[in-house]
C-alpha atoms as a PDB file:
ATOM      1  CA  MET A   1     -42.135  24.869-189.097  1.00  0.00           C
ATOM      2  CA  THR A   2     -40.026  22.380-190.340  1.00  0.00           C
ATOM      3  CA  VAL A   3     -40.998  18.212-190.551  1.00  0.00           C
ATOM      4  CA  ALA A   4     -38.083  17.650-188.030  1.00  0.00           C
ATOM      5  CA  ARG A   5     -39.723  20.450-185.081  1.00  0.00           C
ATOM      6  CA  TRP A   6     -43.154  18.761-186.049  1.00  0.00           C
ATOM      7  CA  VAL A   7     -41.855  15.523-185.047  1.00  0.00           C
ATOM      8  CA  TYR A   8     -40.183  16.770-182.266  1.00  0.00           C
ATOM      9  CA  ARG A   9     -43.419  18.395-180.711  1.00  0.00           C
ATOM     10  CA  ALA A  10     -45.514  15.076-181.868  1.00  0.00           C
ATOM     11  CA  ALA A  11     -42.878  12.911-179.092  1.00  0.00           C
ATOM     12  CA  GLN A  12     -43.265  15.472-176.489  1.00  0.00           C
ATOM     13  CA  PHE A  13     -47.154  15.560-176.531  1.00  0.00           C
ATOM     14  CA  ARG A  14     -46.501  11.385-176.596  1.00  0.00           C
ATOM     15  CA  LYS A  15     -44.159  12.022-173.729  1.00  0.00           C
ATOM     16  CA  ALA A  16     -46.491  14.442-172.013  1.00  0.00           C
ATOM     17  CA  LEU A  17     -49.681  11.866-171.781  1.00  0.00           C
ATOM     18  CA  ALA A  18     -47.043   9.161-170.723  1.00  0.00           C
ATOM     19  CA  GLU A  19     -46.209  10.913-168.319  1.00  0.00           C
ATOM     20  CA  GLN A  20     -49.034  12.074-166.472  1.00  0.00           C
ATOM     21  CA  GLY A  21     -49.838   8.807-164.687  1.00  0.00           C
ATOM     22  CA  LYS A  22     -46.162   9.151-162.905  1.00  0.00           C
ATOM     23  CA  PRO A  23     -45.718   9.196-159.568  1.00  0.00           C
ATOM     24  CA  LEU A  24     -43.810  13.040-158.270  1.00  0.00           C
ATOM     25  CA  ALA A  25     -40.320  12.491-156.657  1.00  0.00           C
ATOM     26  CA  ARG A  26     -41.935  14.786-153.630  1.00  0.00           C
ATOM     27  CA  GLU A  27     -38.330  14.475-151.739  1.00  0.00           C
ATOM     28  CA  VAL A  28     -36.909  16.876-154.826  1.00  0.00           C
ATOM     29  CA  ILE A  29     -40.053  19.350-153.707  1.00  0.00           C
ATOM     30  CA  GLU A  30     -39.567  19.300-150.381  1.00  0.00           C
ATOM     31  CA  ALA A  31     -35.810  19.523-150.022  1.00  0.00           C
ATOM     32  CA  CYS A  32     -35.832  22.349-152.854  1.00  0.00           C
ATOM     33  CA  LEU A  33     -39.067  24.480-152.038  1.00  0.00           C
ATOM     34  CA  ASP A  34     -40.058  26.230-148.971  1.00  0.00           C
ATOM     35  CA  PRO A  35     -43.840  25.485-148.166  1.00  0.00           C
ATOM     36  CA  ARG A  36     -45.340  28.894-150.022  1.00  0.00           C
ATOM     37  CA  GLU A  37     -43.078  27.762-153.098  1.00  0.00           C
ATOM     38  CA  GLN A  38     -44.436  24.475-153.116  1.00  0.00           C
ATOM     39  CA  ALA A  39     -47.883  25.520-153.154  1.00  0.00           C
ATOM     40  CA  LEU A  40     -47.348  27.192-156.274  1.00  0.00           C
ATOM     41  CA  PHE A  41     -45.612  24.179-157.417  1.00  0.00           C
ATOM     42  CA  HIS A  42     -48.485  22.232-156.682  1.00  0.00           C
ATOM     43  CA  GLN A  43     -50.845  24.599-158.491  1.00  0.00           C
ATOM     44  CA  MET A  44     -49.318  23.654-161.996  1.00  0.00           C
ATOM     45  CA  SER A  45     -50.502  20.676-163.980  1.00  0.00           C
ATOM     46  CA  ARG A  46     -49.115  17.260-163.777  1.00  0.00           C
ATOM     47  CA  ARG A  47     -47.888  17.426-166.717  1.00  0.00           C
ATOM     48  CA  ASP A  48     -45.961  20.790-165.815  1.00  0.00           C
ATOM     49  CA  GLN A  49     -45.025  19.231-162.860  1.00  0.00           C
ATOM     50  CA  VAL A  50     -43.070  16.319-163.927  1.00  0.00           C
ATOM     51  CA  HIS A  51     -41.731  18.143-166.884  1.00  0.00           C
ATOM     52  CA  SER A  52     -40.394  20.498-163.890  1.00  0.00           C
ATOM     53  CA  ILE A  53     -39.364  17.630-161.969  1.00  0.00           C
ATOM     54  CA  ASN A  54     -36.989  16.115-164.825  1.00  0.00           C
ATOM     55  CA  THR A  55     -35.469  19.890-166.015  1.00  0.00           C
ATOM     56  CA  ALA A  56     -34.716  20.650-162.179  1.00  0.00           C
ATOM     57  CA  THR A  57     -32.822  17.010-162.522  1.00  0.00           C
ATOM     58  CA  LEU A  58     -30.714  17.865-165.252  1.00  0.00           C
ATOM     59  CA  VAL A  59     -30.514  20.926-163.371  1.00  0.00           C
ATOM     60  CA  ALA A  60     -28.381  19.452-160.619  1.00  0.00           C
ATOM     61  CA  GLY A  61     -26.295  17.774-162.580  1.00  0.00           C
ATOM     62  CA  HIS A  62     -24.962  20.747-164.192  1.00  0.00           C
ATOM     63  CA  ALA A  63     -21.777  22.228-162.967  1.00  0.00           C
ATOM     64  CA  SER A  64     -23.370  25.521-162.382  1.00  0.00           C
ATOM     65  CA  ALA A  65     -26.376  24.735-160.156  1.00  0.00           C
ATOM     66  CA  CYS A  66     -27.374  26.300-157.460  1.00  0.00           C
ATOM     67  CA  PRO A  67     -30.251  26.512-154.827  1.00  0.00           C
ATOM     68  CA  ASP A  68     -31.571  29.196-157.092  1.00  0.00           C
ATOM     69  CA  LEU A  69     -31.266  27.514-160.491  1.00  0.00           C
ATOM     70  CA  LEU A  70     -33.488  24.506-158.634  1.00  0.00           C
ATOM     71  CA  VAL A  71     -36.047  26.405-157.555  1.00  0.00           C
ATOM     72  CA  ALA A  72     -36.063  28.365-160.835  1.00  0.00           C
ATOM     73  CA  ALA A  73     -36.438  24.961-162.501  1.00  0.00           C
ATOM     74  CA  LEU A  74     -38.851  23.716-160.469  1.00  0.00           C
ATOM     75  CA  LEU A  75     -41.133  26.667-160.638  1.00  0.00           C
ATOM     76  CA  HIS A  76     -40.019  27.848-164.730  1.00  0.00           C
ATOM     77  CA  ASP A  77     -43.826  26.973-165.797  1.00  0.00           C
ATOM     78  CA  ALA A  78     -45.959  27.838-162.507  1.00  0.00           C
ATOM     79  CA  GLY A  79     -47.218  30.535-164.946  1.00  0.00           C
ATOM     80  CA  LYS A  80     -49.050  28.265-167.070  1.00  0.00           C
ATOM     81  CA  GLY A  81     -51.711  27.655-164.226  1.00  0.00           C
ATOM     82  CA  GLU A  82     -53.886  24.434-164.717  1.00  0.00           C
ATOM     83  CA  GLN A  83     -54.908  23.691-168.048  1.00  0.00           C
ATOM     84  CA  SER A  84     -55.936  20.718-169.852  1.00  0.00           C
ATOM     85  CA  ILE A  85     -53.149  18.546-172.581  1.00  0.00           C
ATOM     86  CA  TRP A  86     -55.774  19.533-175.687  1.00  0.00           C
ATOM     87  CA  GLN A  87     -55.265  23.723-174.662  1.00  0.00           C
ATOM     88  CA  ARG A  88     -51.382  22.670-174.498  1.00  0.00           C
ATOM     89  CA  ALA A  89     -51.753  21.114-177.530  1.00  0.00           C
ATOM     90  CA  LEU A  90     -53.913  24.271-179.091  1.00  0.00           C
ATOM     91  CA  TYR A  91     -50.845  26.548-178.086  1.00  0.00           C
ATOM     92  CA  VAL A  92     -48.334  24.297-179.753  1.00  0.00           C
ATOM     93  CA  VAL A  93     -50.493  24.393-182.855  1.00  0.00           C
ATOM     94  CA  LEU A  94     -51.112  27.466-183.033  1.00  0.00           C
ATOM     95  CA  THR A  95     -47.913  29.190-182.229  1.00  0.00           C
ATOM     96  CA  ALA A  96     -46.318  27.141-185.363  1.00  0.00           C
ATOM     97  CA  VAL A  97     -49.085  27.732-188.214  1.00  0.00           C
ATOM     98  CA  SER A  98     -50.463  30.809-186.949  1.00  0.00           C
ATOM     99  CA  PRO A  99     -48.415  33.103-184.016  1.00  0.00           C
ATOM    100  CA  ALA A 100     -50.874  36.015-184.570  1.00  0.00           C
ATOM    101  CA  ALA A 101     -53.967  33.958-184.072  1.00  0.00           C
ATOM    102  CA  ILE A 102     -52.647  33.520-180.455  1.00  0.00           C
ATOM    103  CA  ALA A 103     -52.732  37.268-179.865  1.00  0.00           C
ATOM    104  CA  ARG A 104     -56.007  37.472-181.280  1.00  0.00           C
ATOM    105  CA  PHE A 105     -57.665  34.516-179.238  1.00  0.00           C
ATOM    106  CA  ALA A 106     -55.507  34.802-175.693  1.00  0.00           C
ATOM    107  CA  ARG A 107     -57.377  36.556-173.371  1.00  0.00           C
ATOM    108  CA  PRO A 108     -56.775  36.994-169.133  1.00  0.00           C
ATOM    109  CA  GLY A 109     -59.342  34.506-167.255  1.00  0.00           C
ATOM    110  CA  GLY A 110     -60.312  30.934-167.456  1.00  0.00           C
ATOM    111  CA  GLY A 111     -61.168  28.553-170.039  1.00  0.00           C
ATOM    112  CA  THR A 112     -59.338  28.045-173.412  1.00  0.00           C
ATOM    113  CA  ARG A 113     -58.986  31.786-173.953  1.00  0.00           C
ATOM    114  CA  GLY A 114     -56.909  32.106-170.976  1.00  0.00           C
ATOM    115  CA  ALA A 115     -54.985  28.868-171.334  1.00  0.00           C
ATOM    116  CA  LEU A 116     -53.748  30.670-174.439  1.00  0.00           C
ATOM    117  CA  HIS A 117     -52.818  34.122-172.767  1.00  0.00           C
ATOM    118  CA  ARG A 118     -51.371  31.860-169.638  1.00  0.00           C
ATOM    119  CA  SER A 119     -48.964  29.896-172.330  1.00  0.00           C
ATOM    120  CA  LEU A 120     -48.146  32.749-174.120  1.00  0.00           C
ATOM    121  CA  ASN A 121     -47.140  34.876-171.008  1.00  0.00           C
ATOM    122  CA  HIS A 122     -46.316  32.150-168.722  1.00  0.00           C
ATOM    123  CA  ALA A 123     -42.236  33.386-168.250  1.00  0.00           C
ATOM    124  CA  SER A 124     -43.584  36.888-167.106  1.00  0.00           C
ATOM    125  CA  LEU A 125     -46.662  35.363-165.198  1.00  0.00           C
ATOM    126  CA  GLY A 126     -44.506  32.710-163.311  1.00  0.00           C
ATOM    127  CA  ALA A 127     -42.273  34.940-162.010  1.00  0.00           C
ATOM    128  CA  ALA A 128     -44.558  37.177-161.030  1.00  0.00           C
ATOM    129  CA  ARG A 129     -46.368  34.205-158.773  1.00  0.00           C
ATOM    130  CA  ALA A 130     -42.953  32.789-157.521  1.00  0.00           C
ATOM    131  CA  ALA A 131     -42.338  36.827-156.477  1.00  0.00           C
ATOM    132  CA  GLU A 132     -45.953  36.325-154.534  1.00  0.00           C
ATOM    133  CA  ALA A 133     -44.575  33.331-153.162  1.00  0.00           C
ATOM    134  CA  GLY A 134     -41.445  34.487-151.525  1.00  0.00           C
ATOM    135  CA  CYS A 135     -38.919  33.497-154.202  1.00  0.00           C
ATOM    136  CA  SER A 136     -35.865  35.491-154.592  1.00  0.00           C
ATOM    137  CA  GLU A 137     -35.543  38.205-157.192  1.00  0.00           C
ATOM    138  CA  LYS A 138     -32.506  35.891-158.907  1.00  0.00           C
ATOM    139  CA  VAL A 139     -35.388  32.944-158.794  1.00  0.00           C
ATOM    140  CA  CYS A 140     -37.891  35.189-160.564  1.00  0.00           C
ATOM    141  CA  ARG A 141     -35.552  36.469-162.887  1.00  0.00           C
ATOM    142  CA  LEU A 142     -34.223  33.462-164.204  1.00  0.00           C
ATOM    143  CA  ILE A 143     -38.185  32.304-164.359  1.00  0.00           C
ATOM    144  CA  ALA A 144     -38.955  35.407-166.646  1.00  0.00           C
ATOM    145  CA  GLY A 145     -35.864  35.117-168.900  1.00  0.00           C
ATOM    146  CA  HIS A 146     -35.509  30.908-168.998  1.00  0.00           C
ATOM    147  CA  HIS A 147     -37.072  31.336-172.677  1.00  0.00           C
ATOM    148  CA  LYS A 148     -34.140  34.620-173.054  1.00  0.00           C
ATOM    149  CA  PRO A 149     -30.808  33.060-171.663  1.00  0.00           C
ATOM    150  CA  GLU A 150     -28.805  36.731-171.422  1.00  0.00           C
ATOM    151  CA  SER A 151     -30.724  37.323-168.351  1.00  0.00           C
ATOM    152  CA  TYR A 152     -28.490  35.714-165.949  1.00  0.00           C
ATOM    153  CA  PRO A 153     -25.186  32.955-167.212  1.00  0.00           C
ATOM    154  CA  GLU A 154     -27.011  30.468-165.665  1.00  0.00           C
ATOM    155  CA  SER A 155     -30.404  30.902-167.693  1.00  0.00           C
ATOM    156  CA  GLY A 156     -28.807  29.314-170.550  1.00  0.00           C
ATOM    157  CA  VAL A 157     -28.378  26.252-168.099  1.00  0.00           C
ATOM    158  CA  LEU A 158     -32.358  26.715-167.552  1.00  0.00           C
ATOM    159  CA  GLN A 159     -32.939  26.620-171.168  1.00  0.00           C
ATOM    160  CA  TRP A 160     -31.071  23.608-172.127  1.00  0.00           C
ATOM    161  CA  ALA A 161     -32.704  21.768-169.172  1.00  0.00           C
ATOM    162  CA  ASP A 162     -36.342  23.028-170.440  1.00  0.00           C
ATOM    163  CA  GLU A 163     -35.395  22.044-173.808  1.00  0.00           C
ATOM    164  CA  LEU A 164     -34.281  18.520-172.856  1.00  0.00           C
ATOM    165  CA  ALA A 165     -36.925  17.658-170.036  1.00  0.00           C
END
């Protein structure tokens, strides 16, 4: 990982710590998500909820914004589930230093190994959880492909907003 990327990740970590105490924009959640989708949103960590609202706010200002894209922006990290900030930091460091270590340690379930598994597979896990919550096929595909912008033309917008938020 380059020095610039480490600096970016350190700034991202500081921002995540600061955002944990921010109030949620409940009007955004209620306007875009139905009750089942809201329940899924509220299962995410506070840090990921704030990040997802920031992502949706950026998406809303884009020309290709549509309801499905806004729902995907709000739920794109739902596959991570609840995890502590240090578990997320461990994932980021291991990704940079030794991606193979994540594959060795990550396992479905609870604890740190489960958090690593969910972070590693959050796009596909989130898409499956979104489908269970009744989201449209397009929303599920956008979530599954939010790290691969070729899945839908709007996926590039979601990836851009995710990186920027």
